[in-house]
């Protein structure tokens, strides 16, 4: 855990980006993360993202490969 984790900075950044995307007429956002990145998964899930798919063995990882999790969120004003 880095010194900045758990301070709400990710949520602030995500909120800013999502609002800006809406202003630019985006109505859905997609993202991808490593399956092992559970703190990020929880952040995105709490924000309203849903898992919509996986890319099996997408990332190199210690001892093999790791799935990429694909998530999506509908934007609201």
PDB file of N, CA and C in Angstrom:
ATOM      1  N   UNK A   1       0.850  -1.185   0.000  1.00  0.00           N
ATOM      2  CA  UNK A   1       0.000   0.000   0.000  1.00  0.00           C
ATOM      3  C   UNK A   1       0.889   1.239   0.000  1.00  0.00           C
ATOM      4  N   UNK A   2       0.624   2.153  -0.938  1.00  0.00           N
ATOM      5  CA  UNK A   2       1.423   3.374  -0.990  1.00  0.00           C
ATOM      6  C   UNK A   2       0.872   4.412  -0.023  1.00  0.00           C
ATOM      7  N   UNK A   3       1.627   5.468   0.191  1.00  0.00           N
ATOM      8  CA  UNK A   3       1.217   6.503   1.149  1.00  0.00           C
ATOM      9  C   UNK A   3      -0.063   7.224   0.732  1.00  0.00           C
ATOM     10  N   UNK A   4      -0.399   7.198  -0.553  1.00  0.00           N
ATOM     11  CA  UNK A   4      -1.600   7.896  -1.020  1.00  0.00           C
ATOM     12  C   UNK A   4      -2.837   7.016  -1.110  1.00  0.00           C
ATOM     13  N   UNK A   5      -2.685   5.712  -0.959  1.00  0.00           N
ATOM     14  CA  UNK A   5      -3.845   4.826  -1.028  1.00  0.00           C
ATOM     15  C   UNK A   5      -4.730   5.035   0.194  1.00  0.00           C
ATOM     16  N   UNK A   6      -6.039   4.981  -0.028  1.00  0.00           N
ATOM     17  CA  UNK A   6      -6.983   5.092   1.066  1.00  0.00           C
ATOM     18  C   UNK A   6      -7.301   6.517   1.479  1.00  0.00           C
ATOM     19  N   UNK A   7      -6.862   7.497   0.714  1.00  0.00           N
ATOM     20  CA  UNK A   7      -7.104   8.895   1.064  1.00  0.00           C
ATOM     21  C   UNK A   7      -8.223   9.528   0.245  1.00  0.00           C
ATOM     22  N   UNK A   8      -8.843   8.759  -0.625  1.00  0.00           N
ATOM     23  CA  UNK A   8      -9.951   9.275  -1.413  1.00  0.00           C
ATOM     24  C   UNK A   8      -9.551   9.968  -2.701  1.00  0.00           C
ATOM     25  N   UNK A   9      -8.268   9.930  -3.034  1.00  0.00           N
ATOM     26  CA  UNK A   9      -7.806  10.607  -4.247  1.00  0.00           C
ATOM     27  C   UNK A   9      -8.328   9.931  -5.509  1.00  0.00           C
ATOM     28  N   UNK A  10      -8.388   8.615  -5.497  1.00  0.00           N
ATOM     29  CA  UNK A  10      -8.905   7.887  -6.653  1.00  0.00           C
ATOM     30  C   UNK A  10     -10.355   8.237  -6.926  1.00  0.00           C
ATOM     31  N   UNK A  11     -11.149   8.335  -5.868  1.00  0.00           N
ATOM     32  CA  UNK A  11     -12.561   8.687  -6.024  1.00  0.00           C
ATOM     33  C   UNK A  11     -12.709  10.109  -6.561  1.00  0.00           C
ATOM     34  N   UNK A  12     -11.910  11.040  -6.059  1.00  0.00           N
ATOM     35  CA  UNK A  12     -11.963  12.419  -6.553  1.00  0.00           C
ATOM     36  C   UNK A  12     -11.620  12.486  -8.037  1.00  0.00           C
ATOM     37  N   UNK A  13     -10.580  11.788  -8.426  1.00  0.00           N
ATOM     38  CA  UNK A  13     -10.166  11.774  -9.826  1.00  0.00           C
ATOM     39  C   UNK A  13     -11.227  11.113 -10.702  1.00  0.00           C
ATOM     40  N   UNK A  14     -11.735   9.975 -10.258  1.00  0.00           N
ATOM     41  CA  UNK A  14     -12.768   9.266 -11.013  1.00  0.00           C
ATOM     42  C   UNK A  14     -14.006  10.140 -11.171  1.00  0.00           C
ATOM     43  N   UNK A  15     -14.436  10.782 -10.104  1.00  0.00           N
ATOM     44  CA  UNK A  15     -15.617  11.636 -10.157  1.00  0.00           C
ATOM     45  C   UNK A  15     -15.412  12.786 -11.149  1.00  0.00           C
ATOM     46  N   UNK A  16     -14.253  13.402 -11.113  1.00  0.00           N
ATOM     47  CA  UNK A  16     -13.950  14.492 -12.047  1.00  0.00           C
ATOM     48  C   UNK A  16     -13.983  13.998 -13.498  1.00  0.00           C
ATOM     49  N   UNK A  17     -13.334  12.874 -13.751  1.00  0.00           N
ATOM     50  CA  UNK A  17     -13.288  12.340 -15.114  1.00  0.00           C
ATOM     51  C   UNK A  17     -14.672  11.949 -15.630  1.00  0.00           C
ATOM     52  N   UNK A  18     -15.478  11.361 -14.767  1.00  0.00           N
ATOM     53  CA  UNK A  18     -16.809  10.930 -15.186  1.00  0.00           C
ATOM     54  C   UNK A  18     -17.699  12.138 -15.480  1.00  0.00           C
ATOM     55  N   UNK A  19     -17.612  13.176 -14.660  1.00  0.00           N
ATOM     56  CA  UNK A  19     -18.398  14.392 -14.907  1.00  0.00           C
ATOM     57  C   UNK A  19     -17.957  15.060 -16.205  1.00  0.00           C
ATOM     58  N   UNK A  20     -16.665  15.094 -16.429  1.00  0.00           N
ATOM     59  CA  UNK A  20     -16.145  15.702 -17.662  1.00  0.00           C
ATOM     60  C   UNK A  20     -16.573  14.887 -18.885  1.00  0.00           C
ATOM     61  N   UNK A  21     -16.538  13.582 -18.775  1.00  0.00           N
ATOM     62  CA  UNK A  21     -16.987  12.730 -19.881  1.00  0.00           C
ATOM     63  C   UNK A  21     -18.452  13.012 -20.207  1.00  0.00           C
ATOM     64  N   UNK A  22     -19.282  13.178 -19.181  1.00  0.00           N
ATOM     65  CA  UNK A  22     -20.698  13.480 -19.400  1.00  0.00           C
ATOM     66  C   UNK A  22     -20.855  14.825 -20.104  1.00  0.00           C
ATOM     67  N   UNK A  23     -20.067  15.820 -19.679  1.00  0.00           N
ATOM     68  CA  UNK A  23     -20.115  17.143 -20.320  1.00  0.00           C
ATOM     69  C   UNK A  23     -19.764  17.054 -21.805  1.00  0.00           C
ATOM     70  N   UNK A  24     -18.931  16.101 -22.140  1.00  0.00           N
ATOM     71  CA  UNK A  24     -18.520  15.908 -23.533  1.00  0.00           C
ATOM     72  C   UNK A  24     -19.445  14.941 -24.278  1.00  0.00           C
ATOM     73  N   UNK A  25     -20.623  14.691 -23.694  1.00  0.00           N
ATOM     74  CA  UNK A  25     -21.689  13.873 -24.284  1.00  0.00           C
ATOM     75  C   UNK A  25     -21.437  12.372 -24.268  1.00  0.00           C
ATOM     76  N   UNK A  26     -20.499  11.918 -23.483  1.00  0.00           N
ATOM     77  CA  UNK A  26     -20.347  10.469 -23.289  1.00  0.00           C
ATOM     78  C   UNK A  26     -21.491   9.999 -22.398  1.00  0.00           C
ATOM     79  N   UNK A  27     -22.004   8.847 -22.659  1.00  0.00           N
ATOM     80  CA  UNK A  27     -23.091   8.312 -21.842  1.00  0.00           C
ATOM     81  C   UNK A  27     -22.752   6.954 -21.234  1.00  0.00           C
ATOM     82  N   UNK A  28     -21.574   6.452 -21.573  1.00  0.00           N
ATOM     83  CA  UNK A  28     -21.118   5.195 -20.989  1.00  0.00           C
ATOM     84  C   UNK A  28     -19.597   5.210 -20.958  1.00  0.00           C
ATOM     85  N   UNK A  29     -19.044   4.682 -19.883  1.00  0.00           N
ATOM     86  CA  UNK A  29     -17.586   4.592 -19.756  1.00  0.00           C
ATOM     87  C   UNK A  29     -17.196   3.142 -19.530  1.00  0.00           C
ATOM     88  N   UNK A  30     -16.053   2.788 -20.058  1.00  0.00           N
ATOM     89  CA  UNK A  30     -15.503   1.449 -19.918  1.00  0.00           C
ATOM     90  C   UNK A  30     -14.110   1.559 -19.323  1.00  0.00           C
ATOM     91  N   UNK A  31     -13.722   0.538 -18.591  1.00  0.00           N
ATOM     92  CA  UNK A  31     -12.367   0.478 -18.065  1.00  0.00           C
ATOM     93  C   UNK A  31     -11.946  -0.970 -17.935  1.00  0.00           C
ATOM     94  N   UNK A  32     -10.670  -1.130 -17.699  1.00  0.00           N
ATOM     95  CA  UNK A  32     -10.093  -2.466 -17.572  1.00  0.00           C
ATOM     96  C   UNK A  32      -9.065  -2.432 -16.459  1.00  0.00           C
ATOM     97  N   UNK A  33      -9.028  -3.476 -15.661  1.00  0.00           N
ATOM     98  CA  UNK A  33      -8.056  -3.556 -14.582  1.00  0.00           C
ATOM     99  C   UNK A  33      -7.639  -5.001 -14.360  1.00  0.00           C
ATOM    100  N   UNK A  34      -6.518  -5.153 -13.686  1.00  0.00           N
ATOM    101  CA  UNK A  34      -6.053  -6.498 -13.331  1.00  0.00           C
ATOM    102  C   UNK A  34      -7.010  -7.119 -12.316  1.00  0.00           C
ATOM    103  N   UNK A  35      -7.234  -8.397 -12.440  1.00  0.00           N
ATOM    104  CA  UNK A  35      -8.103  -9.107 -11.506  1.00  0.00           C
ATOM    105  C   UNK A  35      -7.603  -8.988 -10.068  1.00  0.00           C
ATOM    106  N   UNK A  36      -6.312  -8.885  -9.877  1.00  0.00           N
ATOM    107  CA  UNK A  36      -5.745  -8.812  -8.525  1.00  0.00           C
ATOM    108  C   UNK A  36      -5.888  -7.434  -7.887  1.00  0.00           C
ATOM    109  N   UNK A  37      -6.319  -6.439  -8.639  1.00  0.00           N
ATOM    110  CA  UNK A  37      -6.417  -5.078  -8.103  1.00  0.00           C
ATOM    111  C   UNK A  37      -7.773  -4.882  -7.424  1.00  0.00           C
ATOM    112  N   UNK A  38      -7.958  -5.555  -6.292  1.00  0.00           N
ATOM    113  CA  UNK A  38      -9.245  -5.533  -5.594  1.00  0.00           C
ATOM    114  C   UNK A  38      -9.624  -4.156  -5.049  1.00  0.00           C
ATOM    115  N   UNK A  39      -8.677  -3.351  -4.542  1.00  0.00           N
ATOM    116  CA  UNK A  39      -9.079  -2.005  -4.095  1.00  0.00           C
ATOM    117  C   UNK A  39      -9.679  -1.178  -5.235  1.00  0.00           C
ATOM    118  N   UNK A  40      -9.084  -1.248  -6.413  1.00  0.00           N
ATOM    119  CA  UNK A  40      -9.632  -0.514  -7.559  1.00  0.00           C
ATOM    120  C   UNK A  40     -10.987  -1.092  -7.964  1.00  0.00           C
ATOM    121  N   UNK A  41     -11.115  -2.408  -7.942  1.00  0.00           N
ATOM    122  CA  UNK A  41     -12.387  -3.045  -8.297  1.00  0.00           C
ATOM    123  C   UNK A  41     -13.500  -2.529  -7.385  1.00  0.00           C
ATOM    124  N   UNK A  42     -13.227  -2.490  -6.083  1.00  0.00           N
ATOM    125  CA  UNK A  42     -14.232  -2.005  -5.124  1.00  0.00           C
ATOM    126  C   UNK A  42     -14.575  -0.535  -5.375  1.00  0.00           C
ATOM    127  N   UNK A  43     -13.560   0.282  -5.661  1.00  0.00           N
ATOM    128  CA  UNK A  43     -13.795   1.695  -5.959  1.00  0.00           C
ATOM    129  C   UNK A  43     -14.735   1.836  -7.146  1.00  0.00           C
ATOM    130  N   UNK A  44     -14.425   1.153  -8.233  1.00  0.00           N
ATOM    131  CA  UNK A  44     -15.247   1.257  -9.439  1.00  0.00           C
ATOM    132  C   UNK A  44     -16.647   0.693  -9.212  1.00  0.00           C
ATOM    133  N   UNK A  45     -16.734  -0.416  -8.505  1.00  0.00           N
ATOM    134  CA  UNK A  45     -18.033  -1.024  -8.222  1.00  0.00           C
ATOM    135  C   UNK A  45     -18.893  -0.080  -7.375  1.00  0.00           C
ATOM    136  N   UNK A  46     -18.295   0.533  -6.372  1.00  0.00           N
ATOM    137  CA  UNK A  46     -19.027   1.474  -5.523  1.00  0.00           C
ATOM    138  C   UNK A  46     -19.467   2.713  -6.299  1.00  0.00           C
ATOM    139  N   UNK A  47     -18.749   3.051  -7.330  1.00  0.00           N
ATOM    140  CA  UNK A  47     -19.093   4.210  -8.156  1.00  0.00           C
ATOM    141  C   UNK A  47     -20.220   3.887  -9.140  1.00  0.00           C
ATOM    142  N   UNK A  48     -20.472   2.623  -9.381  1.00  0.00           N
ATOM    143  CA  UNK A  48     -21.553   2.232 -10.281  1.00  0.00           C
ATOM    144  C   UNK A  48     -21.127   1.409 -11.481  1.00  0.00           C
ATOM    145  N   UNK A  49     -19.844   1.064 -11.551  1.00  0.00           N
ATOM    146  CA  UNK A  49     -19.371   0.208 -12.635  1.00  0.00           C
ATOM    147  C   UNK A  49     -19.796  -1.228 -12.374  1.00  0.00           C
ATOM    148  N   UNK A  50     -20.076  -1.946 -13.438  1.00  0.00           N
ATOM    149  CA  UNK A  50     -20.406  -3.368 -13.377  1.00  0.00           C
ATOM    150  C   UNK A  50     -19.433  -4.141 -14.243  1.00  0.00           C
ATOM    151  N   UNK A  51     -19.087  -5.327 -13.779  1.00  0.00           N
ATOM    152  CA  UNK A  51     -18.216  -6.191 -14.575  1.00  0.00           C
ATOM    153  C   UNK A  51     -19.004  -6.714 -15.762  1.00  0.00           C
ATOM    154  N   UNK A  52     -18.457  -6.507 -16.959  1.00  0.00           N
ATOM    155  CA  UNK A  52     -19.160  -6.949 -18.170  1.00  0.00           C
ATOM    156  C   UNK A  52     -18.391  -8.015 -18.935  1.00  0.00           C
ATOM    157  N   UNK A  53     -17.191  -8.322 -18.486  1.00  0.00           N
ATOM    158  CA  UNK A  53     -16.425  -9.350 -19.169  1.00  0.00           C
ATOM    159  C   UNK A  53     -15.021  -9.474 -18.622  1.00  0.00           C
ATOM    160  N   UNK A  54     -14.313 -10.448 -19.174  1.00  0.00           N
ATOM    161  CA  UNK A  54     -12.925 -10.701 -18.782  1.00  0.00           C
ATOM    162  C   UNK A  54     -12.120 -11.045 -20.014  1.00  0.00           C
ATOM    163  N   UNK A  55     -10.867 -10.680 -19.950  1.00  0.00           N
ATOM    164  CA  UNK A  55      -9.908 -11.100 -20.973  1.00  0.00           C
ATOM    165  C   UNK A  55      -8.974 -12.086 -20.287  1.00  0.00           C
ATOM    166  N   UNK A  56      -9.168 -13.333 -20.565  1.00  0.00           N
ATOM    167  CA  UNK A  56      -8.413 -14.398 -19.900  1.00  0.00           C
ATOM    168  C   UNK A  56      -6.921 -14.288 -20.189  1.00  0.00           C
ATOM    169  N   UNK A  57      -6.148 -14.428 -19.121  1.00  0.00           N
ATOM    170  CA  UNK A  57      -4.677 -14.461 -19.230  1.00  0.00           C
ATOM    171  C   UNK A  57      -4.121 -13.254 -19.988  1.00  0.00           C
ATOM    172  N   UNK A  58      -4.690 -12.101 -19.789  1.00  0.00           N
ATOM    173  CA  UNK A  58      -4.329 -10.906 -20.557  1.00  0.00           C
ATOM    174  C   UNK A  58      -3.002 -10.284 -20.115  1.00  0.00           C
ATOM    175  N   UNK A  59      -2.795 -10.187 -18.805  1.00  0.00           N
ATOM    176  CA  UNK A  59      -1.592  -9.537 -18.285  1.00  0.00           C
ATOM    177  C   UNK A  59      -0.537 -10.555 -17.878  1.00  0.00           C
ATOM    178  N   UNK A  60       0.735 -10.249 -18.114  1.00  0.00           N
ATOM    179  CA  UNK A  60       1.790 -11.088 -17.535  1.00  0.00           C
ATOM    180  C   UNK A  60       1.782 -10.901 -16.019  1.00  0.00           C
ATOM    181  N   UNK A  61       2.039 -11.959 -15.294  1.00  0.00           N
ATOM    182  CA  UNK A  61       2.054 -11.897 -13.833  1.00  0.00           C
ATOM    183  C   UNK A  61       3.121 -12.843 -13.314  1.00  0.00           C
ATOM    184  N   UNK A  62       3.500 -12.640 -12.074  1.00  0.00           N
ATOM    185  CA  UNK A  62       4.467 -13.531 -11.448  1.00  0.00           C
ATOM    186  C   UNK A  62       3.888 -14.941 -11.468  1.00  0.00           C
ATOM    187  N   UNK A  63       4.608 -15.853 -12.042  1.00  0.00           N
ATOM    188  CA  UNK A  63       4.157 -17.235 -12.095  1.00  0.00           C
ATOM    189  C   UNK A  63       3.148 -17.529 -13.192  1.00  0.00           C
ATOM    190  N   UNK A  64       2.972 -16.639 -14.144  1.00  0.00           N
ATOM    191  CA  UNK A  64       2.044 -16.944 -15.232  1.00  0.00           C
ATOM    192  C   UNK A  64       1.366 -15.726 -15.807  1.00  0.00           C
ATOM    193  N   UNK A  65       0.053 -15.797 -15.907  1.00  0.00           N
ATOM    194  CA  UNK A  65      -0.744 -14.731 -16.513  1.00  0.00           C
ATOM    195  C   UNK A  65      -1.889 -14.366 -15.576  1.00  0.00           C
ATOM    196  N   UNK A  66      -2.513 -13.224 -15.844  1.00  0.00           N
ATOM    197  CA  UNK A  66      -3.607 -12.741 -15.006  1.00  0.00           C
ATOM    198  C   UNK A  66      -4.711 -12.178 -15.893  1.00  0.00           C
ATOM    199  N   UNK A  67      -5.957 -12.397 -15.481  1.00  0.00           N
ATOM    200  CA  UNK A  67      -7.099 -11.889 -16.241  1.00  0.00           C
ATOM    201  C   UNK A  67      -7.196 -10.371 -16.156  1.00  0.00           C
ATOM    202  N   UNK A  68      -7.732  -9.781 -17.217  1.00  0.00           N
ATOM    203  CA  UNK A  68      -8.155  -8.381 -17.203  1.00  0.00           C
ATOM    204  C   UNK A  68      -9.663  -8.385 -16.973  1.00  0.00           C
ATOM    205  N   UNK A  69     -10.127  -7.541 -16.076  1.00  0.00           N
ATOM    206  CA  UNK A  69     -11.550  -7.390 -15.809  1.00  0.00           C
ATOM    207  C   UNK A  69     -12.029  -6.159 -16.569  1.00  0.00           C
ATOM    208  N   UNK A  70     -13.088  -6.304 -17.349  1.00  0.00           N
ATOM    209  CA  UNK A  70     -13.661  -5.195 -18.104  1.00  0.00           C
ATOM    210  C   UNK A  70     -14.932  -4.757 -17.384  1.00  0.00           C
ATOM    211  N   UNK A  71     -15.025  -3.443 -17.122  1.00  0.00           N
ATOM    212  CA  UNK A  71     -16.175  -2.891 -16.408  1.00  0.00           C
ATOM    213  C   UNK A  71     -16.766  -1.742 -17.214  1.00  0.00           C
ATOM    214  N   UNK A  72     -18.064  -1.479 -16.984  1.00  0.00           N
ATOM    215  CA  UNK A  72     -18.750  -0.389 -17.668  1.00  0.00           C
ATOM    216  C   UNK A  72     -19.676   0.324 -16.695  1.00  0.00           C
ATOM    217  N   UNK A  73     -19.939   1.598 -16.997  1.00  0.00           N
ATOM    218  CA  UNK A  73     -20.827   2.405 -16.168  1.00  0.00           C
ATOM    219  C   UNK A  73     -21.605   3.353 -17.070  1.00  0.00           C
ATOM    220  N   UNK A  74     -22.912   3.435 -16.861  1.00  0.00           N
ATOM    221  CA  UNK A  74     -23.738   4.409 -17.562  1.00  0.00           C
ATOM    222  C   UNK A  74     -23.620   5.734 -16.832  1.00  0.00           C
ATOM    223  N   UNK A  75     -23.437   6.812 -17.579  1.00  0.00           N
ATOM    224  CA  UNK A  75     -23.262   8.134 -16.978  1.00  0.00           C
ATOM    225  C   UNK A  75     -24.602   8.837 -16.835  1.00  0.00           C
ATOM    226  N   UNK A  76     -24.795   9.465 -15.685  1.00  0.00           N
ATOM    227  CA  UNK A  76     -25.992  10.253 -15.405  1.00  0.00           C
ATOM    228  C   UNK A  76     -25.560  11.637 -14.971  1.00  0.00           C
ATOM    229  N   UNK A  77     -26.417  12.607 -15.203  1.00  0.00           N
ATOM    230  CA  UNK A  77     -26.105  13.980 -14.823  1.00  0.00           C
ATOM    231  C   UNK A  77     -26.070  14.136 -13.324  1.00  0.00           C
TER     232      UNK A  77
END
